[in-house]
Amino acid sequence: MQLKLVRSGGFAGLAMVAAVDSVDLPADQQDVVSRLLTEDLRGPGLSRPGGADQFSYQLEIQQGDRTVRRHWEEPEVHETVRPLLASLTRQAKPAR
């Protein structure tokens, strides 16, 4: 499966983009990606107070000819998804 993460918002408002193949992720994160194909996995994870500098995440999962998109605002990100988003964010580069 091909993954594309766009993280936007934050203090600088800079969009960051990561594109990876799910086989390059640890097994536990591959399991989360598989779950995201059929589940939204939205809160009640770790809710945090709102703020103007929070991040927004758009994750696109492509499996063959099927594409699934998931979107979260920072307070909605379920604790199960946070390690995946953190891993992808570490690989992200500024959008062009």
PDB file of N, CA and C in Angstrom:
ATOM      1  N   MET A   1       0.833  -1.173   0.000  1.00  0.00           N
ATOM      2  CA  MET A   1       0.000   0.000   0.000  1.00  0.00           C
ATOM      3  C   MET A   1       0.882   1.241   0.000  1.00  0.00           C
ATOM      4  N   GLN A   2       0.451   2.220  -0.738  1.00  0.00           N
ATOM      5  CA  GLN A   2       1.159   3.494  -0.788  1.00  0.00           C
ATOM      6  C   GLN A   2       0.455   4.488   0.133  1.00  0.00           C
ATOM      7  N   LEU A   3       1.239   5.210   0.915  1.00  0.00           N
ATOM      8  CA  LEU A   3       0.695   6.185   1.848  1.00  0.00           C
ATOM      9  C   LEU A   3       1.204   7.572   1.499  1.00  0.00           C
ATOM     10  N   LYS A   4       0.325   8.544   1.644  1.00  0.00           N
ATOM     11  CA  LYS A   4       0.730   9.939   1.496  1.00  0.00           C
ATOM     12  C   LYS A   4       0.114  10.710   2.650  1.00  0.00           C
ATOM     13  N   LEU A   5       0.953  11.350   3.418  1.00  0.00           N
ATOM     14  CA  LEU A   5       0.509  12.178   4.540  1.00  0.00           C
ATOM     15  C   LEU A   5       0.788  13.629   4.225  1.00  0.00           C
ATOM     16  N   VAL A   6      -0.205  14.480   4.438  1.00  0.00           N
ATOM     17  CA  VAL A   6      -0.018  15.924   4.386  1.00  0.00           C
ATOM     18  C   VAL A   6      -0.381  16.454   5.769  1.00  0.00           C
ATOM     19  N   ARG A   7       0.626  17.025   6.437  1.00  0.00           N
ATOM     20  CA  ARG A   7       0.389  17.646   7.737  1.00  0.00           C
ATOM     21  C   ARG A   7       0.461  19.154   7.526  1.00  0.00           C
ATOM     22  N   SER A   8      -0.602  19.840   7.900  1.00  0.00           N
ATOM     23  CA  SER A   8      -0.632  21.285   7.728  1.00  0.00           C
ATOM     24  C   SER A   8      -0.972  21.951   9.050  1.00  0.00           C
ATOM     25  N   GLY A   9      -0.858  23.263   9.064  1.00  0.00           N
ATOM     26  CA  GLY A   9      -1.153  24.012  10.279  1.00  0.00           C
ATOM     27  C   GLY A   9       0.085  24.189  11.120  1.00  0.00           C
ATOM     28  N   GLY A  10      -0.118  24.256  12.400  1.00  0.00           N
ATOM     29  CA  GLY A  10       0.992  24.486  13.313  1.00  0.00           C
ATOM     30  C   GLY A  10       1.361  25.957  13.360  1.00  0.00           C
ATOM     31  N   PHE A  11       2.353  26.279  14.130  1.00  0.00           N
ATOM     32  CA  PHE A  11       2.765  27.664  14.348  1.00  0.00           C
ATOM     33  C   PHE A  11       3.171  28.350  13.045  1.00  0.00           C
ATOM     34  N   ALA A  12       3.968  27.652  12.206  1.00  0.00           N
ATOM     35  CA  ALA A  12       4.455  28.255  10.965  1.00  0.00           C
ATOM     36  C   ALA A  12       3.475  28.095   9.808  1.00  0.00           C
ATOM     37  N   GLY A  13       2.508  27.195   9.947  1.00  0.00           N
ATOM     38  CA  GLY A  13       1.533  26.982   8.884  1.00  0.00           C
ATOM     39  C   GLY A  13       2.116  26.292   7.669  1.00  0.00           C
ATOM     40  N   LEU A  14       3.268  25.676   7.810  1.00  0.00           N
ATOM     41  CA  LEU A  14       3.950  25.020   6.701  1.00  0.00           C
ATOM     42  C   LEU A  14       3.386  23.617   6.481  1.00  0.00           C
ATOM     43  N   ALA A  15       2.996  23.315   5.252  1.00  0.00           N
ATOM     44  CA  ALA A  15       2.518  21.966   4.923  1.00  0.00           C
ATOM     45  C   ALA A  15       3.715  21.046   4.705  1.00  0.00           C
ATOM     46  N   MET A  16       3.646  19.879   5.333  1.00  0.00           N
ATOM     47  CA  MET A  16       4.694  18.870   5.203  1.00  0.00           C
ATOM     48  C   MET A  16       4.082  17.633   4.553  1.00  0.00           C
ATOM     49  N   VAL A  17       4.831  16.999   3.640  1.00  0.00           N
ATOM     50  CA  VAL A  17       4.313  15.863   2.888  1.00  0.00           C
ATOM     51  C   VAL A  17       5.275  14.684   2.987  1.00  0.00           C
ATOM     52  N   ALA A  18       4.708  13.507   3.234  1.00  0.00           N
ATOM     53  CA  ALA A  18       5.486  12.264   3.237  1.00  0.00           C
ATOM     54  C   ALA A  18       4.775  11.266   2.334  1.00  0.00           C
ATOM     55  N   ALA A  19       5.541  10.537   1.545  1.00  0.00           N
ATOM     56  CA  ALA A  19       5.008   9.476   0.701  1.00  0.00           C
ATOM     57  C   ALA A  19       5.864   8.235   0.942  1.00  0.00           C
ATOM     58  N   VAL A  20       5.236   7.150   1.406  1.00  0.00           N
ATOM     59  CA  VAL A  20       5.973   5.925   1.726  1.00  0.00           C
ATOM     60  C   VAL A  20       5.168   4.700   1.315  1.00  0.00           C
ATOM     61  N   ASP A  21       5.865   3.594   1.219  1.00  0.00           N
ATOM     62  CA  ASP A  21       5.223   2.302   1.008  1.00  0.00           C
ATOM     63  C   ASP A  21       5.038   1.679   2.389  1.00  0.00           C
ATOM     64  N   SER A  22       3.879   1.110   2.635  1.00  0.00           N
ATOM     65  CA  SER A  22       3.587   0.567   3.965  1.00  0.00           C
ATOM     66  C   SER A  22       4.558  -0.541   4.369  1.00  0.00           C
ATOM     67  N   VAL A  23       5.183  -1.235   3.421  1.00  0.00           N
ATOM     68  CA  VAL A  23       6.132  -2.301   3.778  1.00  0.00           C
ATOM     69  C   VAL A  23       7.373  -1.740   4.474  1.00  0.00           C
ATOM     70  N   ASP A  24       7.599  -0.432   4.360  1.00  0.00           N
ATOM     71  CA  ASP A  24       8.744   0.194   5.010  1.00  0.00           C
ATOM     72  C   ASP A  24       8.448   0.615   6.446  1.00  0.00           C
ATOM     73  N   LEU A  25       7.221   0.364   6.899  1.00  0.00           N
ATOM     74  CA  LEU A  25       6.819   0.710   8.263  1.00  0.00           C
ATOM     75  C   LEU A  25       6.961  -0.489   9.187  1.00  0.00           C
ATOM     76  N   PRO A  26       7.114  -0.252  10.495  1.00  0.00           N
ATOM     77  CA  PRO A  26       7.112  -1.357  11.451  1.00  0.00           C
ATOM     78  C   PRO A  26       5.774  -2.103  11.399  1.00  0.00           C
ATOM     79  N   ALA A  27       5.786  -3.362  11.799  1.00  0.00           N
ATOM     80  CA  ALA A  27       4.589  -4.217  11.720  1.00  0.00           C
ATOM     81  C   ALA A  27       3.380  -3.626  12.437  1.00  0.00           C
ATOM     82  N   ASP A  28       3.597  -3.023  13.626  1.00  0.00           N
ATOM     83  CA  ASP A  28       2.457  -2.466  14.352  1.00  0.00           C
ATOM     84  C   ASP A  28       1.820  -1.301  13.601  1.00  0.00           C
ATOM     85  N   GLN A  29       2.619  -0.516  12.910  1.00  0.00           N
ATOM     86  CA  GLN A  29       2.085   0.592  12.123  1.00  0.00           C
ATOM     87  C   GLN A  29       1.413   0.088  10.840  1.00  0.00           C
ATOM     88  N   GLN A  30       1.918  -0.994  10.274  1.00  0.00           N
ATOM     89  CA  GLN A  30       1.250  -1.612   9.125  1.00  0.00           C
ATOM     90  C   GLN A  30      -0.141  -2.090   9.520  1.00  0.00           C
ATOM     91  N   ASP A  31      -0.267  -2.607  10.734  1.00  0.00           N
ATOM     92  CA  ASP A  31      -1.578  -3.043  11.235  1.00  0.00           C
ATOM     93  C   ASP A  31      -2.539  -1.862  11.348  1.00  0.00           C
ATOM     94  N   VAL A  32      -2.048  -0.711  11.805  1.00  0.00           N
ATOM     95  CA  VAL A  32      -2.893   0.484  11.914  1.00  0.00           C
ATOM     96  C   VAL A  32      -3.350   0.918  10.524  1.00  0.00           C
ATOM     97  N   VAL A  33      -2.446   0.887   9.563  1.00  0.00           N
ATOM     98  CA  VAL A  33      -2.800   1.251   8.189  1.00  0.00           C
ATOM     99  C   VAL A  33      -3.903   0.330   7.678  1.00  0.00           C
ATOM    100  N   SER A  34      -3.779  -0.963   7.925  1.00  0.00           N
ATOM    101  CA  SER A  34      -4.812  -1.917   7.503  1.00  0.00           C
ATOM    102  C   SER A  34      -6.150  -1.601   8.152  1.00  0.00           C
ATOM    103  N   ARG A  35      -6.124  -1.255   9.422  1.00  0.00           N
ATOM    104  CA  ARG A  35      -7.372  -0.892  10.119  1.00  0.00           C
ATOM    105  C   ARG A  35      -7.989   0.365   9.526  1.00  0.00           C
ATOM    106  N   LEU A  36      -7.147   1.308   9.121  1.00  0.00           N
ATOM    107  CA  LEU A  36      -7.651   2.567   8.571  1.00  0.00           C
ATOM    108  C   LEU A  36      -8.366   2.376   7.229  1.00  0.00           C
ATOM    109  N   LEU A  37      -8.143   1.244   6.590  1.00  0.00           N
ATOM    110  CA  LEU A  37      -8.870   0.958   5.343  1.00  0.00           C
ATOM    111  C   LEU A  37     -10.359   0.791   5.595  1.00  0.00           C
ATOM    112  N   THR A  38     -10.721   0.342   6.803  1.00  0.00           N
ATOM    113  CA  THR A  38     -12.129   0.078   7.100  1.00  0.00           C
ATOM    114  C   THR A  38     -12.663   0.853   8.303  1.00  0.00           C
ATOM    115  N   GLU A  39     -11.774   1.437   9.111  1.00  0.00           N
ATOM    116  CA  GLU A  39     -12.195   2.156  10.312  1.00  0.00           C
ATOM    117  C   GLU A  39     -11.673   3.588  10.278  1.00  0.00           C
ATOM    118  N   ASP A  40     -12.437   4.494  10.847  1.00  0.00           N
ATOM    119  CA  ASP A  40     -12.039   5.899  10.886  1.00  0.00           C
ATOM    120  C   ASP A  40     -10.971   6.160  11.946  1.00  0.00           C
ATOM    121  N   LEU A  41     -11.006   5.417  13.044  1.00  0.00           N
ATOM    122  CA  LEU A  41     -10.053   5.585  14.159  1.00  0.00           C
ATOM    123  C   LEU A  41      -9.910   7.049  14.566  1.00  0.00           C
ATOM    124  N   ARG A  42     -11.008   7.635  14.886  1.00  0.00           N
ATOM    125  CA  ARG A  42     -11.062   9.020  15.357  1.00  0.00           C
ATOM    126  C   ARG A  42     -11.289   8.981  16.862  1.00  0.00           C
ATOM    127  N   GLY A  43     -10.701   9.896  17.625  1.00  0.00           N
ATOM    128  CA  GLY A  43     -10.882   9.976  19.067  1.00  0.00           C
ATOM    129  C   GLY A  43     -11.857   8.943  19.602  1.00  0.00           C
ATOM    130  N   PRO A  44     -12.026   8.738  20.818  1.00  0.00           N
ATOM    131  CA  PRO A  44     -11.693   9.629  21.915  1.00  0.00           C
ATOM    132  C   PRO A  44     -10.258   9.539  22.375  1.00  0.00           C
ATOM    133  N   GLY A  45      -9.324   9.263  21.526  1.00  0.00           N
ATOM    134  CA  GLY A  45      -7.916   9.196  21.877  1.00  0.00           C
ATOM    135  C   GLY A  45      -7.480  10.261  22.847  1.00  0.00           C
ATOM    136  N   LEU A  46      -6.325  10.811  22.648  1.00  0.00           N
ATOM    137  CA  LEU A  46      -5.770  11.813  23.553  1.00  0.00           C
ATOM    138  C   LEU A  46      -6.271  13.192  23.155  1.00  0.00           C
ATOM    139  N   SER A  47      -7.379  13.590  23.718  1.00  0.00           N
ATOM    140  CA  SER A  47      -7.933  14.910  23.406  1.00  0.00           C
ATOM    141  C   SER A  47      -7.096  15.992  24.062  1.00  0.00           C
ATOM    142  N   ARG A  48      -6.840  17.003  23.308  1.00  0.00           N
ATOM    143  CA  ARG A  48      -6.080  18.129  23.831  1.00  0.00           C
ATOM    144  C   ARG A  48      -6.896  19.396  23.625  1.00  0.00           C
ATOM    145  N   PRO A  49      -6.693  20.383  24.458  1.00  0.00           N
ATOM    146  CA  PRO A  49      -7.434  21.629  24.286  1.00  0.00           C
ATOM    147  C   PRO A  49      -7.150  22.234  22.913  1.00  0.00           C
ATOM    148  N   GLY A  50      -8.149  22.900  22.348  1.00  0.00           N
ATOM    149  CA  GLY A  50      -8.001  23.518  21.035  1.00  0.00           C
ATOM    150  C   GLY A  50      -7.001  24.645  21.049  1.00  0.00           C
ATOM    151  N   GLY A  51      -6.508  24.973  19.873  1.00  0.00           N
ATOM    152  CA  GLY A  51      -5.560  26.063  19.751  1.00  0.00           C
ATOM    153  C   GLY A  51      -5.315  26.376  18.293  1.00  0.00           C
ATOM    154  N   ALA A  52      -4.935  27.602  18.029  1.00  0.00           N
ATOM    155  CA  ALA A  52      -4.740  28.049  16.654  1.00  0.00           C
ATOM    156  C   ALA A  52      -3.529  27.403  15.997  1.00  0.00           C
ATOM    157  N   ASP A  53      -2.602  26.876  16.781  1.00  0.00           N
ATOM    158  CA  ASP A  53      -1.379  26.320  16.202  1.00  0.00           C
ATOM    159  C   ASP A  53      -1.402  24.795  16.101  1.00  0.00           C
ATOM    160  N   GLN A  54      -2.581  24.199  16.114  1.00  0.00           N
ATOM    161  CA  GLN A  54      -2.666  22.739  16.024  1.00  0.00           C
ATOM    162  C   GLN A  54      -2.492  22.252  14.590  1.00  0.00           C
ATOM    163  N   PHE A  55      -2.136  20.980  14.479  1.00  0.00           N
ATOM    164  CA  PHE A  55      -1.932  20.389  13.168  1.00  0.00           C
ATOM    165  C   PHE A  55      -3.202  19.736  12.642  1.00  0.00           C
ATOM    166  N   SER A  56      -3.265  19.645  11.335  1.00  0.00           N
ATOM    167  CA  SER A  56      -4.304  18.929  10.614  1.00  0.00           C
ATOM    168  C   SER A  56      -3.585  17.857   9.790  1.00  0.00           C
ATOM    169  N   TYR A  57      -4.141  16.651   9.760  1.00  0.00           N
ATOM    170  CA  TYR A  57      -3.513  15.540   9.055  1.00  0.00           C
ATOM    171  C   TYR A  57      -4.459  14.989   7.993  1.00  0.00           C
ATOM    172  N   GLN A  58      -3.953  14.824   6.775  1.00  0.00           N
ATOM    173  CA  GLN A  58      -4.699  14.192   5.691  1.00  0.00           C
ATOM    174  C   GLN A  58      -3.869  12.984   5.259  1.00  0.00           C
ATOM    175  N   LEU A  59      -4.408  11.796   5.467  1.00  0.00           N
ATOM    176  CA  LEU A  59      -3.707  10.571   5.099  1.00  0.00           C
ATOM    177  C   LEU A  59      -4.442   9.898   3.954  1.00  0.00           C
ATOM    178  N   GLU A  60      -3.703   9.593   2.904  1.00  0.00           N
ATOM    179  CA  GLU A  60      -4.260   8.900   1.744  1.00  0.00           C
ATOM    180  C   GLU A  60      -3.595   7.523   1.673  1.00  0.00           C
ATOM    181  N   ILE A  61      -4.424   6.490   1.609  1.00  0.00           N
ATOM    182  CA  ILE A  61      -3.928   5.116   1.527  1.00  0.00           C
ATOM    183  C   ILE A  61      -4.381   4.547   0.192  1.00  0.00           C
ATOM    184  N   GLN A  62      -3.427   4.144  -0.617  1.00  0.00           N
ATOM    185  CA  GLN A  62      -3.764   3.576  -1.919  1.00  0.00           C
ATOM    186  C   GLN A  62      -3.401   2.096  -1.922  1.00  0.00           C
ATOM    187  N   GLN A  63      -4.415   1.284  -2.185  1.00  0.00           N
ATOM    188  CA  GLN A  63      -4.244  -0.169  -2.247  1.00  0.00           C
ATOM    189  C   GLN A  63      -4.813  -0.610  -3.592  1.00  0.00           C
ATOM    190  N   GLY A  64      -3.925  -0.878  -4.539  1.00  0.00           N
ATOM    191  CA  GLY A  64      -4.376  -1.212  -5.885  1.00  0.00           C
ATOM    192  C   GLY A  64      -5.115  -0.032  -6.493  1.00  0.00           C
ATOM    193  N   ASP A  65      -6.349  -0.260  -6.944  1.00  0.00           N
ATOM    194  CA  ASP A  65      -7.127   0.827  -7.533  1.00  0.00           C
ATOM    195  C   ASP A  65      -8.060   1.488  -6.514  1.00  0.00           C
ATOM    196  N   ARG A  66      -7.907   1.137  -5.258  1.00  0.00           N
ATOM    197  CA  ARG A  66      -8.738   1.697  -4.181  1.00  0.00           C
ATOM    198  C   ARG A  66      -7.947   2.736  -3.401  1.00  0.00           C
ATOM    199  N   THR A  67      -8.579   3.879  -3.146  1.00  0.00           N
ATOM    200  CA  THR A  67      -7.959   4.933  -2.352  1.00  0.00           C
ATOM    201  C   THR A  67      -8.876   5.298  -1.198  1.00  0.00           C
ATOM    202  N   VAL A  68      -8.308   5.300   0.004  1.00  0.00           N
ATOM    203  CA  VAL A  68      -9.047   5.679   1.210  1.00  0.00           C
ATOM    204  C   VAL A  68      -8.368   6.918   1.784  1.00  0.00           C
ATOM    205  N   ARG A  69      -9.175   7.908   2.127  1.00  0.00           N
ATOM    206  CA  ARG A  69      -8.641   9.135   2.720  1.00  0.00           C
ATOM    207  C   ARG A  69      -9.181   9.298   4.134  1.00  0.00           C
ATOM    208  N   ARG A  70      -8.296   9.649   5.035  1.00  0.00           N
ATOM    209  CA  ARG A  70      -8.660   9.927   6.424  1.00  0.00           C
ATOM    210  C   ARG A  70      -8.141  11.317   6.785  1.00  0.00           C
ATOM    211  N   HIS A  71      -8.923  12.051   7.538  1.00  0.00           N
ATOM    212  CA  HIS A  71      -8.543  13.401   7.936  1.00  0.00           C
ATOM    213  C   HIS A  71      -8.797  13.570   9.424  1.00  0.00           C
ATOM    214  N   TRP A  72      -7.839  14.188  10.098  1.00  0.00           N
ATOM    215  CA  TRP A  72      -7.979  14.473  11.523  1.00  0.00           C
ATOM    216  C   TRP A  72      -7.486  15.868  11.818  1.00  0.00           C
ATOM    217  N   GLU A  73      -8.162  16.533  12.717  1.00  0.00           N
ATOM    218  CA  GLU A  73      -7.629  17.727  13.364  1.00  0.00           C
ATOM    219  C   GLU A  73      -6.953  17.212  14.633  1.00  0.00           C
ATOM    220  N   GLU A  74      -5.975  17.918  15.137  1.00  0.00           N
ATOM    221  CA  GLU A  74      -5.162  17.444  16.260  1.00  0.00           C
ATOM    222  C   GLU A  74      -5.960  16.802  17.408  1.00  0.00           C
ATOM    223  N   PRO A  75      -7.007  17.411  17.916  1.00  0.00           N
ATOM    224  CA  PRO A  75      -7.690  16.786  19.059  1.00  0.00           C
ATOM    225  C   PRO A  75      -8.411  15.479  18.708  1.00  0.00           C
ATOM    226  N   GLU A  76      -8.658  15.223  17.427  1.00  0.00           N
ATOM    227  CA  GLU A  76      -9.409  14.041  17.012  1.00  0.00           C
ATOM    228  C   GLU A  76      -8.546  12.801  16.798  1.00  0.00           C
ATOM    229  N   VAL A  77      -7.233  12.963  16.801  1.00  0.00           N
ATOM    230  CA  VAL A  77      -6.344  11.849  16.488  1.00  0.00           C
ATOM    231  C   VAL A  77      -6.394  10.827  17.616  1.00  0.00           C
ATOM    232  N   HIS A  78      -6.772   9.612  17.273  1.00  0.00           N
ATOM    233  CA  HIS A  78      -6.846   8.529  18.254  1.00  0.00           C
ATOM    234  C   HIS A  78      -5.441   8.090  18.639  1.00  0.00           C
ATOM    235  N   GLU A  79      -5.258   7.700  19.879  1.00  0.00           N
ATOM    236  CA  GLU A  79      -3.932   7.283  20.367  1.00  0.00           C
ATOM    237  C   GLU A  79      -3.345   6.137  19.542  1.00  0.00           C
ATOM    238  N   THR A  80      -4.169   5.327  18.926  1.00  0.00           N
ATOM    239  CA  THR A  80      -3.699   4.227  18.079  1.00  0.00           C
ATOM    240  C   THR A  80      -3.010   4.743  16.820  1.00  0.00           C
ATOM    241  N   VAL A  81      -3.438   5.893  16.330  1.00  0.00           N
ATOM    242  CA  VAL A  81      -2.927   6.447  15.076  1.00  0.00           C
ATOM    243  C   VAL A  81      -1.703   7.344  15.295  1.00  0.00           C
ATOM    244  N   ARG A  82      -1.545   7.875  16.489  1.00  0.00           N
ATOM    245  CA  ARG A  82      -0.466   8.834  16.758  1.00  0.00           C
ATOM    246  C   ARG A  82       0.935   8.328  16.384  1.00  0.00           C
ATOM    247  N   PRO A  83       1.325   7.086  16.730  1.00  0.00           N
ATOM    248  CA  PRO A  83       2.669   6.630  16.345  1.00  0.00           C
ATOM    249  C   PRO A  83       2.870   6.590  14.824  1.00  0.00           C
ATOM    250  N   LEU A  84       1.830   6.214  14.081  1.00  0.00           N
ATOM    251  CA  LEU A  84       1.917   6.194  12.619  1.00  0.00           C
ATOM    252  C   LEU A  84       2.117   7.609  12.087  1.00  0.00           C
ATOM    253  N   LEU A  85       1.312   8.551  12.552  1.00  0.00           N
ATOM    254  CA  LEU A  85       1.445   9.932  12.090  1.00  0.00           C
ATOM    255  C   LEU A  85       2.804  10.515  12.467  1.00  0.00           C
ATOM    256  N   ALA A  86       3.293  10.189  13.649  1.00  0.00           N
ATOM    257  CA  ALA A  86       4.610  10.678  14.078  1.00  0.00           C
ATOM    258  C   ALA A  86       5.713  10.121  13.182  1.00  0.00           C
ATOM    259  N   SER A  87       5.628   8.840  12.857  1.00  0.00           N
ATOM    260  CA  SER A  87       6.620   8.212  11.992  1.00  0.00           C
ATOM    261  C   SER A  87       6.615   8.837  10.597  1.00  0.00           C
ATOM    262  N   LEU A  88       5.434   9.029  10.043  1.00  0.00           N
ATOM    263  CA  LEU A  88       5.322   9.637   8.718  1.00  0.00           C
ATOM    264  C   LEU A  88       5.782  11.095   8.737  1.00  0.00           C
ATOM    265  N   THR A  89       5.474  11.803   9.810  1.00  0.00           N
ATOM    266  CA  THR A  89       5.882  13.207   9.921  1.00  0.00           C
ATOM    267  C   THR A  89       7.400  13.335   9.945  1.00  0.00           C
ATOM    268  N   ARG A  90       8.071  12.391  10.589  1.00  0.00           N
ATOM    269  CA  ARG A  90       9.554  12.417  10.623  1.00  0.00           C
ATOM    270  C   ARG A  90      10.129  12.276   9.222  1.00  0.00           C
ATOM    271  N   GLN A  91       9.416  11.645   8.320  1.00  0.00           N
ATOM    272  CA  GLN A  91       9.883  11.443   6.946  1.00  0.00           C
ATOM    273  C   GLN A  91       9.414  12.556   5.993  1.00  0.00           C
ATOM    274  N   ALA A  92       8.582  13.455   6.497  1.00  0.00           N
ATOM    275  CA  ALA A  92       7.962  14.475   5.653  1.00  0.00           C
ATOM    276  C   ALA A  92       8.941  15.577   5.273  1.00  0.00           C
ATOM    277  N   LYS A  93       8.651  16.159   4.124  1.00  0.00           N
ATOM    278  CA  LYS A  93       9.428  17.292   3.615  1.00  0.00           C
ATOM    279  C   LYS A  93       8.440  18.421   3.293  1.00  0.00           C
ATOM    280  N   PRO A  94       8.904  19.651   3.303  1.00  0.00           N
ATOM    281  CA  PRO A  94       8.006  20.763   2.987  1.00  0.00           C
ATOM    282  C   PRO A  94       7.337  20.573   1.619  1.00  0.00           C
ATOM    283  N   ALA A  95       6.042  20.909   1.542  1.00  0.00           N
ATOM    284  CA  ALA A  95       5.297  20.808   0.292  1.00  0.00           C
ATOM    285  C   ALA A  95       5.809  21.877  -0.669  1.00  0.00           C
ATOM    286  N   ARG A  96       5.718  21.561  -1.948  1.00  0.00           N
ATOM    287  CA  ARG A  96       6.160  22.527  -2.967  1.00  0.00           C
ATOM    288  C   ARG A  96       4.988  23.115  -3.668  1.00  0.00           C
TER     289      ARG A  96
END
